[in-house]
C-alpha cells in the first residue's frame, strides 16, 4: 500500500530524479578523478625519468655501482665514472 502510493505521488518522482542526478554526478566525478590520476601518473613518470637522466649526467654513468668495501667507489682508473667491479677493473 505504501509502495503503491510512493510511486504514484509526485514525491516519488522527485526522489527518482534526484537519485538519477546523484548517479550522474558520481559517474562524472569518478571519470574525472580517473583521468586526472592518469595525467598525474604520467607527469610523475616524466619527472622521474628526467631526474634519473640529470643524475646520470651529473655523476657519470654507473656512479657508485662499484664495491666501496674493496677500494673502488664505482669508477675506473681513468676517472670517467664508469662502473667498476670493485677490483679496479672497468
Protein backbone atom coordinates (compact mmCIF):
# COMPACT_ATOMS: atom_id res chain seq x y z
CA UNK A 1 0.00 0.00 0.00
CA UNK A 2 2.72 2.47 0.99
CA UNK A 3 4.84 1.45 -2.04
CA UNK A 4 1.97 1.99 -4.48
CA UNK A 5 1.28 5.41 -3.03
CA UNK A 6 5.02 6.23 -3.10
CA UNK A 7 5.30 5.61 -6.85
CA UNK A 8 2.03 7.35 -7.70
CA UNK A 9 2.76 10.63 -5.96
CA UNK A 10 4.93 13.48 -7.17
CA UNK A 11 7.30 12.97 -4.24
CA UNK A 12 8.32 9.56 -5.57
CA UNK A 13 9.10 11.05 -8.96
CA UNK A 14 11.30 13.71 -7.37
CA UNK A 15 13.22 11.10 -5.39
CA UNK A 16 13.91 9.10 -8.54
CA UNK A 17 15.04 12.22 -10.39
CA UNK A 18 17.37 13.16 -7.55
CA UNK A 19 18.78 9.62 -7.43
CA UNK A 20 19.47 9.70 -11.17
CA UNK A 21 21.08 13.14 -10.85
CA UNK A 22 23.29 11.91 -7.99
CA UNK A 23 24.32 8.87 -10.04
CA UNK A 24 25.22 11.11 -13.00
CA UNK A 25 27.33 13.38 -10.77
CA UNK A 26 29.03 10.36 -9.17
CA UNK A 27 29.94 8.77 -12.51
CA UNK A 28 31.18 12.08 -13.88
CA UNK A 29 33.29 12.66 -10.78
CA UNK A 30 34.75 9.15 -10.97
CA UNK A 31 35.63 9.65 -14.63
CA UNK A 32 37.31 12.97 -13.92
CA UNK A 33 39.24 11.52 -10.96
CA UNK A 34 40.48 8.63 -13.09
CA UNK A 35 41.53 10.95 -15.90
CA UNK A 36 43.33 13.34 -13.55
CA UNK A 37 45.00 10.39 -11.80
CA UNK A 38 46.37 9.07 -15.09
CA UNK A 39 47.68 12.53 -16.01
CA UNK A 40 49.39 12.88 -12.64
CA UNK A 41 50.94 9.42 -13.02
CA UNK A 42 52.30 10.38 -16.45
CA UNK A 43 53.71 13.62 -15.05
CA UNK A 44 55.47 11.83 -12.18
CA UNK A 45 56.94 9.25 -14.57
CA UNK A 46 58.25 12.05 -16.81
CA UNK A 47 59.77 13.87 -13.83
CA UNK A 48 61.35 10.63 -12.59
CA UNK A 49 62.95 9.83 -15.95
CA UNK A 50 64.31 13.39 -16.30
CA UNK A 51 65.65 13.23 -12.74
CA UNK A 52 67.44 9.95 -13.46
CA UNK A 53 68.85 11.38 -16.69
CA UNK A 54 70.07 14.52 -14.93
CA UNK A 55 71.61 12.47 -12.11
CA UNK A 56 73.44 10.31 -14.66
CA UNK A 57 74.77 13.38 -16.47
CA UNK A 58 75.95 14.99 -13.22
CA UNK A 59 77.75 11.99 -11.72
CA UNK A 60 78.71 9.87 -14.69
CA UNK A 61 77.29 6.59 -15.84
CA UNK A 62 77.45 3.91 -13.20
CA UNK A 63 78.25 6.25 -10.33
CA UNK A 64 78.53 4.35 -7.10
CA UNK A 65 77.98 0.94 -8.64
CA UNK A 66 81.35 -0.48 -7.54
CA UNK A 67 82.10 -2.17 -4.25
CA UNK A 68 83.37 0.54 -1.88
CA UNK A 69 84.47 -2.12 0.60
CA UNK A 70 87.18 -3.25 -1.83
CA UNK A 71 88.59 0.19 -2.60
CA UNK A 72 86.66 1.18 -5.74
CA UNK A 73 83.77 3.65 -5.32
CA UNK A 74 82.35 2.92 -8.75
CA UNK A 75 84.86 4.44 -11.15
CA UNK A 76 87.79 3.01 -13.01
CA UNK A 77 91.40 4.18 -13.09
CA UNK A 78 90.70 6.65 -15.91
CA UNK A 79 88.31 8.59 -13.67
CA UNK A 80 85.40 8.54 -16.13
CA UNK A 81 82.91 7.34 -13.53
CA UNK A 82 82.30 4.06 -15.30
CA UNK A 83 81.01 1.06 -13.41
CA UNK A 84 83.82 -0.93 -11.85
CA UNK A 85 83.92 -4.43 -10.46
CA UNK A 86 85.44 -3.35 -7.15
CA UNK A 87 88.94 -4.51 -8.11
CA UNK A 88 89.97 -1.51 -10.18
CA UNK A 89 88.76 -3.14 -13.40
CA UNK A 90 86.33 -1.26 -15.65
